[in-house]
Amino acid sequence: MRTVPGSDIRLIVYTVAAGSADAEKLEFLRITNGVRVDGSPPSGPGRFSRP
């Protein structure tokens, strides 16, 4: 987790090996923004929510 100095913003950065199965999964999440095939949003906090 990374923090932004002078603010309460925290960034979580995920990395994977290029060309791996995990890279395909991460790309899928990026493209779909985590929305499921049935159209429902992901559970849990939203992109801009605060804990």
N, C-alpha and C. Protein backbone atom coordinates (compact mmCIF):
# COMPACT_ATOMS: atom_id res chain seq x y z
N MET A 1 0.86 -1.16 0.00
CA MET A 1 0.00 0.00 0.00
C MET A 1 0.90 1.23 0.00
N ARG A 2 0.50 2.21 -0.77
CA ARG A 2 1.23 3.48 -0.85
C ARG A 2 0.36 4.57 -0.25
N THR A 3 0.96 5.57 0.33
CA THR A 3 0.22 6.71 0.86
C THR A 3 0.59 7.95 0.07
N VAL A 4 -0.32 8.91 0.08
CA VAL A 4 -0.08 10.18 -0.58
C VAL A 4 0.23 11.19 0.52
N PRO A 5 1.46 11.72 0.55
CA PRO A 5 1.85 12.65 1.60
C PRO A 5 0.89 13.84 1.71
N GLY A 6 0.55 14.18 2.94
CA GLY A 6 -0.31 15.33 3.18
C GLY A 6 -1.79 15.07 2.97
N SER A 7 -2.18 13.80 2.79
CA SER A 7 -3.60 13.49 2.62
C SER A 7 -3.89 12.14 3.26
N ASP A 8 -5.17 11.80 3.29
CA ASP A 8 -5.55 10.49 3.84
C ASP A 8 -5.78 9.46 2.73
N ILE A 9 -5.26 9.74 1.54
CA ILE A 9 -5.43 8.84 0.40
C ILE A 9 -4.41 7.70 0.50
N ARG A 10 -4.91 6.48 0.29
CA ARG A 10 -4.03 5.31 0.24
C ARG A 10 -4.25 4.61 -1.09
N LEU A 11 -3.19 4.20 -1.72
CA LEU A 11 -3.26 3.51 -3.00
C LEU A 11 -2.82 2.07 -2.83
N ILE A 12 -3.56 1.16 -3.43
CA ILE A 12 -3.15 -0.23 -3.47
C ILE A 12 -2.85 -0.55 -4.93
N VAL A 13 -1.65 -1.02 -5.18
CA VAL A 13 -1.19 -1.27 -6.54
C VAL A 13 -0.93 -2.77 -6.70
N TYR A 14 -1.55 -3.36 -7.71
CA TYR A 14 -1.34 -4.77 -7.99
C TYR A 14 -0.46 -4.92 -9.22
N THR A 15 0.48 -5.84 -9.16
CA THR A 15 1.32 -6.13 -10.32
C THR A 15 1.37 -7.64 -10.52
N VAL A 16 1.53 -8.05 -11.75
CA VAL A 16 1.63 -9.47 -12.10
C VAL A 16 2.63 -9.61 -13.24
N ALA A 17 3.06 -10.84 -13.47
CA ALA A 17 3.98 -11.10 -14.57
C ALA A 17 3.23 -10.95 -15.90
N ALA A 18 3.86 -10.24 -16.83
CA ALA A 18 3.25 -10.04 -18.16
C ALA A 18 3.01 -11.39 -18.84
N GLY A 19 1.84 -11.52 -19.46
CA GLY A 19 1.51 -12.73 -20.21
C GLY A 19 1.03 -13.88 -19.36
N SER A 20 0.96 -13.70 -18.05
CA SER A 20 0.52 -14.79 -17.16
C SER A 20 -1.01 -14.83 -17.10
N ALA A 21 -1.52 -15.93 -16.54
CA ALA A 21 -2.97 -16.06 -16.33
C ALA A 21 -3.46 -14.95 -15.40
N ASP A 22 -2.64 -14.60 -14.41
CA ASP A 22 -3.02 -13.52 -13.49
C ASP A 22 -3.08 -12.18 -14.21
N ALA A 23 -2.21 -11.97 -15.20
CA ALA A 23 -2.24 -10.73 -15.98
C ALA A 23 -3.56 -10.64 -16.75
N GLU A 24 -4.03 -11.76 -17.28
CA GLU A 24 -5.31 -11.76 -18.00
C GLU A 24 -6.45 -11.43 -17.05
N LYS A 25 -6.42 -11.95 -15.84
CA LYS A 25 -7.47 -11.68 -14.85
C LYS A 25 -7.46 -10.21 -14.44
N LEU A 26 -6.26 -9.66 -14.23
CA LEU A 26 -6.17 -8.25 -13.85
C LEU A 26 -6.64 -7.35 -14.98
N GLU A 27 -6.33 -7.70 -16.21
CA GLU A 27 -6.80 -6.94 -17.37
C GLU A 27 -8.32 -7.01 -17.48
N PHE A 28 -8.89 -8.17 -17.21
CA PHE A 28 -10.34 -8.32 -17.23
C PHE A 28 -10.98 -7.39 -16.21
N LEU A 29 -10.41 -7.33 -15.00
CA LEU A 29 -10.95 -6.43 -13.98
C LEU A 29 -10.83 -4.97 -14.41
N ARG A 30 -9.71 -4.63 -15.07
CA ARG A 30 -9.53 -3.25 -15.52
C ARG A 30 -10.58 -2.88 -16.56
N ILE A 31 -10.81 -3.78 -17.50
CA ILE A 31 -11.75 -3.50 -18.58
C ILE A 31 -13.19 -3.44 -18.09
N THR A 32 -13.56 -4.37 -17.21
CA THR A 32 -14.95 -4.45 -16.76
C THR A 32 -15.24 -3.62 -15.52
N ASN A 33 -14.19 -3.05 -14.93
CA ASN A 33 -14.34 -2.28 -13.69
C ASN A 33 -14.94 -3.14 -12.59
N GLY A 34 -14.74 -4.46 -12.68
CA GLY A 34 -15.21 -5.38 -11.66
C GLY A 34 -16.68 -5.74 -11.74
N VAL A 35 -17.40 -5.25 -12.77
CA VAL A 35 -18.83 -5.57 -12.90
C VAL A 35 -18.97 -7.01 -13.36
N ARG A 36 -19.84 -7.74 -12.71
CA ARG A 36 -20.04 -9.15 -13.01
C ARG A 36 -20.79 -9.33 -14.33
N VAL A 37 -20.76 -10.55 -14.84
CA VAL A 37 -21.43 -10.87 -16.11
C VAL A 37 -22.92 -10.56 -16.03
N ASP A 38 -23.53 -10.76 -14.85
CA ASP A 38 -24.97 -10.49 -14.71
C ASP A 38 -25.27 -9.00 -14.57
N GLY A 39 -24.23 -8.16 -14.61
CA GLY A 39 -24.43 -6.72 -14.56
C GLY A 39 -24.41 -6.12 -13.16
N SER A 40 -24.31 -6.98 -12.14
CA SER A 40 -24.31 -6.45 -10.77
C SER A 40 -22.93 -5.90 -10.41
N PRO A 41 -22.90 -4.84 -9.62
CA PRO A 41 -21.61 -4.26 -9.24
C PRO A 41 -20.89 -5.16 -8.24
N PRO A 42 -19.60 -4.98 -8.08
CA PRO A 42 -18.87 -5.78 -7.11
C PRO A 42 -19.32 -5.43 -5.69
N SER A 43 -19.21 -6.39 -4.79
CA SER A 43 -19.56 -6.11 -3.40
C SER A 43 -18.42 -5.35 -2.74
N GLY A 44 -18.69 -4.73 -1.64
CA GLY A 44 -17.65 -4.02 -0.92
C GLY A 44 -17.62 -2.55 -1.30
N PRO A 45 -16.61 -1.85 -0.77
CA PRO A 45 -16.52 -0.40 -1.02
C PRO A 45 -16.32 -0.08 -2.49
N GLY A 46 -16.84 1.06 -2.90
CA GLY A 46 -16.71 1.50 -4.28
C GLY A 46 -15.37 2.12 -4.55
N ARG A 47 -15.16 2.48 -5.77
CA ARG A 47 -13.87 3.02 -6.20
C ARG A 47 -13.46 4.26 -5.42
N PHE A 48 -14.39 5.13 -5.11
CA PHE A 48 -14.05 6.37 -4.43
C PHE A 48 -14.57 6.45 -3.01
N SER A 49 -14.95 5.33 -2.43
CA SER A 49 -15.47 5.36 -1.07
C SER A 49 -14.35 5.44 -0.06
N ARG A 50 -14.69 5.84 1.11
CA ARG A 50 -13.73 5.92 2.20
C ARG A 50 -14.12 4.90 3.26
N PRO A 51 -13.12 4.32 3.93
CA PRO A 51 -13.41 3.32 4.98
C PRO A 51 -14.14 3.94 6.14
